[in-house]
Every structure is written in structure tokens, then in C-alpha cells.
Amino acid sequence: MTARFPHLRAAIVRHPWAILPDRLEAIAEVIERRMEGVRLPPEEIAAIKGSRGPNGSVSLYAMNAAGMPEITAGPLVEMRGQQASPAQGSVIAVISIMGIIAQHANQVDDISGPGGTSTERLGQSFRSALADPSVKAIVFNIDSPGGNVHGVPELADEIFESRGKKPIVAQVNSTAASGAYWLACAADEIVVTPSGEVGSIGVYSMHRDLSVAADREGVKFTFISAGKYKVEGNCYEPLGDEAAAAIQRTVDGYYGDFLNGVARGRGVKASVVRESFGEGRMERAKDAVRLGMADRVGTMDDTLRRLARAKPSAAVNASADEASIVAHDDNGSPQQVEAPAQETDVSVAQDPGADAALIKAKAEADAFRRRRHAHRLRAR
């Protein structure tokens, strides 16, 4: 047989993932080796996970006398209450998204060593930075192949809904693939380091048929179950048409969420994302900007210096009821700007009884708010 613990591998790969395929295979291999009693050293596990930083935690940066960014204090959530906070609007919060993304990744840090990014921890850090008056801007430092779909759309929604409160920049340094790109698109702006890549927009699952291998070894498995579909898609028998269709529906559902999330964040139609944003492939920095998948090419230092020089932006408030934007002109005076026609074809309602007109108005306001805020960032 091709695997010592095929049921375990099947459980891993069958779940819908928004991740680079080769990285998922590496995860499955590590778990199989652990089941065989092979304990990899923490540094090897961290290398497989792709982790190099304090994932999901906040570091505060400011410019030194030489005009270079440097850390001014420890992680925000750890320093609060232990020392005085920096002056209002004086620092930039940098939150690392490194390695494989999983909803509860922080719960296994003490078992397998640090690695991967927890969407739970990431959300907590983001909310802390957003609420802290000393933070003038938030930067996500991203180098991730993506990960599990669970927790990603919820966090992306939270980031997107926070636009206009403070500048939010996704700095790709150097990979934002799949689920990581999903999160990046929720920010006001995506900056890709010159050698970086973004994309891999897609969701996949896998079925491994070990029935022939089991027959060869004289092994037969009999499932005793209750529930019509309880054991469908198991790895010890060929995948039936009905089970394949069920898995495909799940993958298609998450893929639709992914497309709509990217479309909303980038201010384009979902059809544009599907047909022009790499079709599952990665795109290099300059090509990503040309295609509209990113806003500019630049390093982390470039982004930190630019944000440090910028004045704290005025809040942008959208009225969902009136589908209009309350912004501020160059003199700081409030002005109302009518929202243009909706540019996205994001699904507006899951509930058939929802007020479609109200939801459409909010979507239009959100799209215009994104474009206006991103334009202000690029103009600085």
C-alpha cells in the first residue's frame, strides 16, 4: 500500500483546502511520519509549515533618525498594561501571516513548535491594533501558501468591514497564495515585493482510492454504519458518482465564496477574477499589478516608510440605507459623494426573505468606499 495510515491521509486531503497542493502533501507526510513514531525537530517542522515569524501577533514599527523602520515595542497584546503606549498615531502595526493558515493553529504550537497562522489569533491582533490610538496604519506581512478554508472568509469579512477606519495594507513578502490571497484582498491595498507572487485562486479536495492496493495485500475492509452517506467517499473503495458530485458541490461552494471575496475586495466582477486572475496559477509581482490583482510593487521597507510619512487618514463612513459616502475633501471638510453603480456580482443574499435592495445599496457603498480609500493611499 502507498501509505501506512491511508485513512488519516484521506481525512486530511479530502477536506476543502485553499492552499498550494505541494504544501498539503507535505502536511500529510509529516502527520504520517508522526504516527509511525518519527518526531521531526521543530526547525524542520517550521520549514515545512513555512513559518519564520511571530504569526498572528502584532509588532509596532516607527521610523528611526535615519529614516529606516524599526520595532519600537513588543507585541501589542503582550505589552498592553505593562508599559506606556506610544504617542497617538505614531506607529505602524505589522501583523505576520506566515506559513499554513488554520483556524486553531495556535493550539498546537506547544506540540509541534511554532508554525502556521491561526485566524483566531490573527483576528484578535487585528482588532487590538484597530482599537489602539497609537496605531496609525496596519500592515499584514504575508508569506503563506494558504491553508484550511475554515475561518478565512469570516476574517476576510472583518478586515473588509474595517476599511476606512485606518489604512490597511497587505504586504506580500513574498507569497500570498490561495487563502492568504483571499485575506490580502480584504485590505485597502495589496503591495507585492519585486520577487513576490500572488494568486492560486481555487479550492480543492482529493480522494485516494486504495481498494486495488488493499486487494493486492489481501486486506478487505467492511464498514458497518448508519446514515445513508456516512461512509461515502472512503478511501477503501472507488469513488462513486454520487459521492464525487457531493464533494464537487462542497468545493464549488467554497470556490464561489473565494471568487466573491476577491471580487469584492478588488472592486471587479467575479467573472473577471475567474477568467483573468491566474485561473488557479500564481502571478508575479508586475503581472499581478497589470492584471489588477495587486496595486503596486514594493518592499516592506518601502511600505513602512510611505505609511510613516502619511498623515492619519480621515474615517470614511458609508450609509447602507442611502447608498452614499460621507468623505472629507483636501481641506478636511465633509462632503457627500453619491456611490456609482455596483461593480461586483457578489451574492447579496443567502436568505430569500432578505431586503435585496438594502443589501445591494450596502454593496455599492462598500465598493465605492474601497476604491476611494485605495486611491488615497496610492496618491500619498
Protein backbone atom coordinates (compact mmCIF):
# COMPACT_ATOMS: atom_id res chain seq x y z
CA MET A 1 0.00 0.00 0.00
CA THR A 2 1.14 3.54 -0.65
CA ALA A 3 0.62 4.86 2.86
CA ARG A 4 0.90 3.43 6.36
CA PHE A 5 -2.10 5.40 7.59
CA PRO A 6 -4.29 5.90 4.50
CA HIS A 7 -7.42 6.77 6.49
CA LEU A 8 -5.55 9.60 8.19
CA ARG A 9 -4.16 10.94 4.93
CA ALA A 10 -7.60 10.67 3.32
CA ALA A 11 -9.15 12.69 6.16
CA ILE A 12 -6.58 15.43 5.60
CA VAL A 13 -6.67 15.73 1.83
CA ARG A 14 -10.45 15.31 1.44
CA HIS A 15 -11.22 18.44 3.43
CA PRO A 16 -11.57 21.52 1.17
CA TRP A 17 -8.31 23.47 1.14
CA ALA A 18 -7.31 26.83 -0.27
CA ILE A 19 -3.60 26.02 -0.36
CA LEU A 20 -0.80 25.19 -2.77
CA PRO A 21 -1.10 21.42 -3.48
CA ASP A 22 2.54 20.56 -2.76
CA ARG A 23 2.29 22.06 0.73
CA LEU A 24 -0.74 19.94 1.59
CA GLU A 25 1.16 16.80 0.58
CA ALA A 26 3.96 17.86 2.93
CA ILE A 27 1.48 18.24 5.80
CA ALA A 28 0.07 14.75 5.19
CA GLU A 29 3.58 13.29 5.13
CA VAL A 30 4.54 14.90 8.43
CA ILE A 31 1.43 13.51 10.14
CA GLU A 32 2.02 10.03 8.75
CA ARG A 33 5.62 10.05 9.98
CA ARG A 34 4.45 11.20 13.40
CA MET A 35 2.03 8.27 13.56
CA GLU A 36 4.97 5.97 12.75
CA GLY A 37 6.83 7.36 15.76
CA VAL A 38 9.12 9.70 13.80
CA ARG A 39 9.35 13.02 15.63
CA LEU A 40 10.78 15.74 13.42
CA PRO A 41 12.83 18.51 15.05
CA PRO A 42 10.98 21.83 15.47
CA GLU A 43 13.12 23.59 12.87
CA GLU A 44 12.22 21.00 10.20
CA ILE A 45 8.52 21.26 11.03
CA ALA A 46 8.74 25.06 10.90
CA ALA A 47 10.39 24.82 7.47
CA ILE A 48 7.56 22.61 6.18
CA LYS A 49 4.93 24.91 7.62
CA GLY A 50 6.71 27.90 6.16
CA SER A 51 6.89 29.75 9.44
CA ARG A 52 9.51 32.34 10.24
CA GLY A 53 7.85 34.89 12.47
CA PRO A 54 5.53 35.63 15.38
CA ASN A 55 2.49 34.60 13.41
CA GLY A 56 -0.70 36.46 14.11
CA SER A 57 0.96 38.74 16.67
CA VAL A 58 1.48 42.48 16.37
CA SER A 59 4.81 44.28 16.20
CA LEU A 60 4.93 48.08 16.35
CA TYR A 61 7.18 49.96 13.93
CA ALA A 62 8.26 53.58 13.66
CA MET A 63 10.92 55.43 11.67
CA ASN A 64 14.28 56.00 13.36
CA ALA A 65 16.52 59.03 12.91
CA ALA A 66 17.98 57.51 9.74
CA GLY A 67 14.52 57.16 8.21
CA MET A 68 14.51 53.37 8.48
CA PRO A 69 11.70 51.32 10.05
CA GLU A 70 12.46 49.63 13.35
CA ILE A 71 10.49 47.86 16.04
CA THR A 72 9.60 50.24 18.85
CA ALA A 73 7.96 47.82 21.28
CA GLY A 74 6.95 44.22 21.74
CA PRO A 75 3.70 42.68 20.51
CA LEU A 76 0.78 44.96 21.23
CA VAL A 77 -1.33 42.37 23.05
CA GLU A 78 1.60 41.47 25.31
CA MET A 79 2.75 44.99 26.12
CA ARG A 80 -0.65 46.40 27.00
CA GLY A 81 -0.82 47.14 30.69
CA GLN A 82 2.93 46.56 31.17
CA GLN A 83 4.26 49.81 29.78
CA ALA A 84 3.04 53.10 28.38
CA SER A 85 1.69 53.04 24.86
CA PRO A 86 3.42 55.10 22.15
CA ALA A 87 2.03 58.53 21.25
CA GLN A 88 -1.24 58.69 19.36
CA GLY A 89 -0.93 57.91 15.66
CA SER A 90 2.84 57.41 15.91
CA VAL A 91 3.38 53.76 15.00
CA ILE A 92 2.50 51.17 12.37
CA ALA A 93 1.20 47.78 13.46
CA VAL A 94 2.69 44.90 11.48
CA ILE A 95 0.88 41.55 11.75
CA SER A 96 2.61 38.49 10.32
CA ILE A 97 0.72 35.90 8.26
CA MET A 98 3.35 33.23 7.73
CA GLY A 99 3.11 29.59 6.80
CA ILE A 100 -0.04 27.50 6.68
CA ILE A 101 -3.29 29.17 7.72
CA ALA A 102 -5.64 27.26 10.03
CA GLN A 103 -8.41 28.41 12.31
CA HIS A 104 -6.91 26.98 15.51
CA ALA A 105 -3.21 26.74 14.53
CA ASN A 106 -2.08 28.30 17.81
CA GLN A 107 -3.48 25.36 19.79
CA VAL A 108 -0.73 23.01 18.53
CA ASP A 109 2.23 25.39 18.88
CA ASP A 110 3.32 23.65 22.07
CA ILE A 111 3.17 20.22 20.39
CA SER A 112 4.82 20.72 17.03
CA GLY A 113 6.60 24.00 17.54
CA PRO A 114 5.50 27.42 16.25
CA GLY A 115 4.39 27.50 12.65
CA GLY A 116 1.38 28.45 10.65
CA THR A 117 -1.05 31.24 11.36
CA SER A 118 -4.23 30.99 13.40
CA THR A 119 -7.13 33.04 12.04
CA GLU A 120 -8.38 33.33 15.63
CA ARG A 121 -5.14 34.88 16.86
CA LEU A 122 -4.90 37.00 13.72
CA GLY A 123 -8.37 38.40 14.30
CA GLN A 124 -7.58 39.25 17.92
CA SER A 125 -4.40 41.05 16.93
CA PHE A 126 -6.17 42.94 14.16
CA ARG A 127 -8.89 44.16 16.49
CA SER A 128 -6.32 45.26 19.08
CA ALA A 129 -4.37 47.25 16.50
CA LEU A 130 -7.53 48.78 15.08
CA ALA A 131 -8.66 49.96 18.51
CA ASP A 132 -5.28 51.26 19.68
CA PRO A 133 -4.99 55.06 19.24
CA SER A 134 -1.20 54.88 18.87
CA VAL A 135 -1.54 52.84 15.66
CA LYS A 136 -1.89 54.96 12.51
CA ALA A 137 -1.90 52.10 9.99
CA ILE A 138 -1.96 48.29 9.88
CA VAL A 139 0.25 46.16 7.62
CA PHE A 140 -0.18 42.43 7.08
CA ASN A 141 3.25 40.89 6.41
CA ILE A 142 2.32 37.89 4.25
CA ASP A 143 4.35 34.89 3.19
CA SER A 144 1.93 31.97 3.08
CA PRO A 145 0.81 29.16 0.75
CA GLY A 146 -2.74 29.43 2.11
CA GLY A 147 -4.40 26.76 4.19
CA ASN A 148 -7.70 25.47 5.52
CA VAL A 149 -10.78 27.33 4.31
CA HIS A 150 -12.35 27.41 7.79
CA GLY A 151 -12.04 30.82 9.43
CA VAL A 152 -10.69 32.59 6.34
CA PRO A 153 -13.90 34.10 4.90
CA GLU A 154 -15.04 35.27 8.33
CA LEU A 155 -11.73 37.03 8.96
CA ALA A 156 -11.70 38.49 5.44
CA ASP A 157 -15.17 39.93 6.08
CA GLU A 158 -13.98 41.50 9.33
CA ILE A 159 -10.96 43.11 7.66
CA PHE A 160 -13.05 44.39 4.75
CA GLU A 161 -15.68 45.91 7.05
CA SER A 162 -12.91 47.79 8.87
CA ARG A 163 -11.83 49.71 5.78
CA GLY A 164 -11.87 53.45 6.26
CA LYS A 165 -11.05 53.32 9.97
CA LYS A 166 -7.29 53.10 9.40
CA PRO A 167 -5.18 52.33 6.32
CA ILE A 168 -4.89 48.54 5.98
CA VAL A 169 -2.15 47.28 3.66
CA ALA A 170 -1.37 43.70 2.65
CA GLN A 171 2.38 43.48 2.05
CA VAL A 172 3.16 40.29 0.13
CA ASN A 173 6.62 39.31 1.29
CA SER A 174 6.99 37.12 -0.79
CA THR A 175 3.99 34.77 -1.34
CA ALA A 176 0.26 35.22 -0.91
CA ALA A 177 -1.30 32.08 -2.32
CA SER A 178 -4.86 30.84 -2.15
CA GLY A 179 -6.31 31.51 1.33
CA ALA A 180 -3.56 34.05 2.06
CA TYR A 181 -4.52 35.99 -1.07
CA TRP A 182 -8.17 35.77 -0.01
CA LEU A 183 -7.23 37.62 3.19
CA ALA A 184 -4.96 40.07 1.35
CA CYS A 185 -7.83 41.15 -0.91
CA ALA A 186 -9.77 42.35 2.11
CA ALA A 187 -7.17 45.06 2.77
CA ASP A 188 -7.30 48.54 1.26
CA GLU A 189 -4.20 47.91 -0.78
CA ILE A 190 -2.00 44.99 -1.89
CA VAL A 191 1.73 45.61 -2.31
CA VAL A 192 3.93 42.83 -3.69
CA THR A 193 7.69 42.71 -3.17
CA PRO A 194 9.50 42.69 -6.56
CA SER A 195 10.25 38.96 -6.46
CA GLY A 196 6.89 38.05 -4.95
CA GLU A 197 3.86 36.17 -6.26
CA VAL A 198 0.12 36.18 -5.61
CA GLY A 199 -2.82 34.10 -6.74
CA SER A 200 -3.58 30.37 -6.73
CA ILE A 201 -7.27 31.24 -6.56
CA GLY A 202 -9.03 27.96 -6.14
CA VAL A 203 -10.25 25.28 -3.75
CA TYR A 204 -9.63 21.58 -3.98
CA SER A 205 -10.21 18.28 -2.29
CA MET A 206 -8.83 14.85 -3.09
CA HIS A 207 -9.94 11.26 -2.96
CA ARG A 208 -7.39 8.45 -2.76
CA ASP A 209 -8.63 5.05 -3.93
CA LEU A 210 -6.67 2.32 -2.11
CA SER A 211 -9.03 -0.52 -2.92
CA VAL A 212 -6.70 -2.13 -5.50
CA ALA A 213 -3.70 -1.84 -3.18
CA ALA A 214 -5.70 -3.40 -0.36
CA ASP A 215 -6.79 -6.30 -2.60
CA ARG A 216 -3.18 -6.88 -3.55
CA GLU A 217 -2.25 -7.26 0.10
CA GLY A 218 -5.25 -9.45 0.83
CA VAL A 219 -6.91 -6.87 3.05
CA LYS A 220 -10.67 -6.30 2.98
CA PHE A 221 -12.50 -3.55 4.81
CA THR A 222 -16.15 -3.76 5.80
CA PHE A 223 -17.96 -0.67 7.05
CA ILE A 224 -20.86 -1.05 9.46
CA SER A 225 -22.60 2.30 9.54
CA ALA A 226 -25.85 4.16 9.99
CA GLY A 227 -26.76 7.10 7.84
CA LYS A 228 -27.04 6.83 4.06
CA TYR A 229 -23.95 8.87 3.27
CA LYS A 230 -21.92 8.32 6.44
CA VAL A 231 -19.05 6.40 4.81
CA GLU A 232 -19.32 7.65 1.24
CA GLY A 233 -16.06 8.66 -0.34
CA ASN A 234 -13.93 6.42 1.89
CA CYS A 235 -10.51 5.50 0.54
CA TYR A 236 -11.05 1.72 0.52
CA GLU A 237 -13.43 1.66 -2.41
CA PRO A 238 -13.72 3.51 -5.73
CA LEU A 239 -15.32 6.93 -5.58
CA GLY A 240 -18.93 6.69 -6.74
CA ASP A 241 -20.63 9.29 -8.92
CA GLU A 242 -22.95 10.44 -6.15
CA ALA A 243 -20.10 10.89 -3.66
CA ALA A 244 -17.97 12.68 -6.27
CA ALA A 245 -20.84 15.06 -7.00
CA ALA A 246 -21.28 15.82 -3.30
CA ILE A 247 -17.59 16.61 -2.88
CA GLN A 248 -17.68 18.75 -6.02
CA ARG A 249 -20.62 20.75 -4.65
CA THR A 250 -18.67 21.50 -1.49
CA VAL A 251 -15.58 22.57 -3.42
CA ASP A 252 -17.68 24.71 -5.80
CA GLY A 253 -19.39 26.39 -2.86
CA TYR A 254 -16.14 27.43 -1.23
CA TYR A 255 -14.72 28.44 -4.61
CA GLY A 256 -17.71 30.73 -5.16
CA ASP A 257 -17.11 32.32 -1.77
CA PHE A 258 -13.44 32.77 -2.70
CA LEU A 259 -14.26 34.41 -6.05
CA ASN A 260 -16.80 36.75 -4.48
CA GLY A 261 -14.41 37.71 -1.69
CA VAL A 262 -11.64 38.60 -4.14
CA ALA A 263 -14.09 40.41 -6.43
CA ARG A 264 -15.46 42.50 -3.58
CA GLY A 265 -12.01 43.39 -2.32
CA ARG A 266 -10.55 44.26 -5.72
CA GLY A 267 -13.67 46.08 -6.95
CA VAL A 268 -14.25 43.89 -10.00
CA LYS A 269 -16.77 41.31 -11.14
CA ALA A 270 -16.39 37.71 -10.07
CA SER A 271 -16.19 36.74 -13.74
CA VAL A 272 -13.05 38.88 -14.05
CA VAL A 273 -11.49 37.08 -11.09
CA ARG A 274 -12.42 33.69 -12.55
CA GLU A 275 -11.09 34.40 -16.03
CA SER A 276 -8.25 36.91 -15.58
CA PHE A 277 -6.70 36.44 -12.13
CA GLY A 278 -4.47 33.47 -12.96
CA GLU A 279 -7.16 30.74 -13.10
CA GLY A 280 -5.51 28.94 -10.19
CA ARG A 281 -1.94 29.88 -11.13
CA MET A 282 0.39 32.25 -9.33
CA GLU A 283 1.24 35.62 -10.91
CA ARG A 284 4.49 37.51 -10.43
CA ALA A 285 4.51 41.00 -8.93
CA LYS A 286 4.42 43.16 -12.08
CA ASP A 287 1.94 40.89 -13.83
CA ALA A 288 -0.27 40.91 -10.75
CA VAL A 289 -0.40 44.71 -10.80
CA ARG A 290 -1.11 44.71 -14.54
CA LEU A 291 -3.99 42.27 -14.06
CA GLY A 292 -5.46 44.22 -11.13
CA MET A 293 -4.62 41.53 -8.58
CA ALA A 294 -2.36 43.97 -6.69
CA ASP A 295 -1.92 47.72 -6.51
CA ARG A 296 1.83 48.26 -6.60
CA VAL A 297 5.25 46.65 -6.44
CA GLY A 298 7.29 47.49 -3.36
CA THR A 299 9.21 46.08 -0.42
CA MET A 300 8.18 46.05 3.21
CA ASP A 301 10.57 48.92 3.92
CA ASP A 302 9.00 50.92 1.08
CA THR A 303 5.54 50.38 2.53
CA LEU A 304 6.53 51.25 6.10
CA ARG A 305 8.31 54.44 5.02
CA ARG A 306 5.35 55.53 2.90
CA LEU A 307 2.85 54.94 5.70
CA ALA A 308 5.10 56.61 8.27
CA ARG A 309 5.23 59.79 6.16
CA ALA A 310 1.48 59.86 5.55
CA LYS A 311 -0.91 61.80 7.72
CA PRO A 312 -3.50 59.72 9.58
CA SER A 313 -6.41 59.32 7.17
CA ALA A 314 -9.88 60.61 7.91
CA ALA A 315 -12.51 57.97 8.51
CA VAL A 316 -14.77 57.10 5.59
CA ASN A 317 -18.33 56.36 6.58
CA ALA A 318 -20.79 54.59 4.34
CA SER A 319 -24.56 54.68 4.77
CA ALA A 320 -26.09 51.39 3.74
CA ASP A 321 -29.56 52.89 3.80
CA GLU A 322 -28.78 55.74 1.39
CA ALA A 323 -26.01 54.07 -0.65
CA SER A 324 -23.86 57.19 -0.29
CA ILE A 325 -20.42 58.06 1.03
CA VAL A 326 -19.51 60.70 3.59
CA ALA A 327 -15.88 61.56 2.88
CA HIS A 328 -13.58 64.51 3.55
CA ASP A 329 -12.09 66.80 0.93
CA ASP A 330 -8.47 68.03 0.91
CA ASN A 331 -9.36 70.82 3.35
CA GLY A 332 -10.83 68.38 5.84
CA SER A 333 -14.41 69.46 5.21
CA PRO A 334 -17.08 66.77 4.99
CA GLN A 335 -18.68 66.19 1.62
CA GLN A 336 -21.21 63.67 0.39
CA VAL A 337 -20.49 61.72 -2.77
CA GLU A 338 -23.04 59.53 -4.49
CA ALA A 339 -21.98 55.92 -4.91
CA PRO A 340 -21.68 54.73 -8.52
CA ALA A 341 -23.30 51.63 -9.92
CA GLN A 342 -22.23 48.35 -8.34
CA GLU A 343 -19.13 46.82 -9.92
CA THR A 344 -19.24 43.41 -8.32
CA ASP A 345 -21.54 40.49 -8.84
CA VAL A 346 -21.09 39.29 -5.28
CA SER A 347 -24.01 37.23 -3.99
CA VAL A 348 -26.07 39.70 -1.98
CA ALA A 349 -28.38 37.44 -0.01
CA GLN A 350 -28.49 33.90 1.21
CA ASP A 351 -31.83 34.44 2.87
CA PRO A 352 -34.63 34.61 0.27
CA GLY A 353 -36.57 36.92 2.56
CA ALA A 354 -33.77 39.48 2.89
CA ASP A 355 -34.27 43.03 1.66
CA ALA A 356 -32.30 42.75 -1.60
CA ALA A 357 -32.45 46.48 -2.30
CA LEU A 358 -30.91 47.37 1.05
CA ILE A 359 -28.17 44.76 0.68
CA LYS A 360 -27.41 45.93 -2.87
CA ALA A 361 -27.11 49.51 -1.64
CA LYS A 362 -24.63 48.44 1.02
CA ALA A 363 -22.60 46.50 -1.54
CA GLU A 364 -22.46 49.58 -3.78
CA ALA A 365 -21.33 51.75 -0.87
CA ASP A 366 -18.68 49.22 0.13
CA ALA A 367 -17.31 49.03 -3.42
CA PHE A 368 -17.05 52.81 -3.72
CA ARG A 369 -15.51 53.14 -0.28
CA ARG A 370 -12.83 50.62 -1.23
CA ARG A 371 -11.90 52.42 -4.43
CA ARG A 372 -11.82 55.88 -2.83
CA HIS A 373 -9.73 54.75 0.14
CA ALA A 374 -7.28 52.78 -2.02
CA HIS A 375 -6.89 55.78 -4.32
CA ARG A 376 -5.98 58.00 -1.37
CA LEU A 377 -3.34 55.52 -0.28
CA ARG A 378 -1.78 55.34 -3.73
CA ALA A 379 -1.76 59.14 -4.04
CA ARG A 380 0.38 59.63 -0.93
